[in-house]
């Protein structure tokens, strides 16, 4: 079975090894302020509790961007793009993002 990932907004699945995959999936930005904006817009409280390193692995599908958000080849988002279409939740309140991002805590198996 192919590994699959889903959109954090609509849960559309994307199979990493699917050669026919026509769905563009964007990862959350590395930039702290842009990532915070994306988390706010998406409206998922659980995402606000994750450190940046884990948010980088979360995806949003092309259905939440406009055609203007993509470069001329349609294979990358412009740096200024952010999700703006087809939301399933209202945006998060700023008070939920006051301590964003959460620090990364490495868990080891040692006691």
Foldseek 3Di string as FASTA:
>chain_A
DFDWAAALFPGDIDGPPDPPDPKAKAAQDLDQVSNLVQLQAQADLVLQAAASVVSRPHIHIPQQWDCVQADPVRRDGDPPTHGHDDGPHHGDDVVSNPPPPDDDDDDDPDD
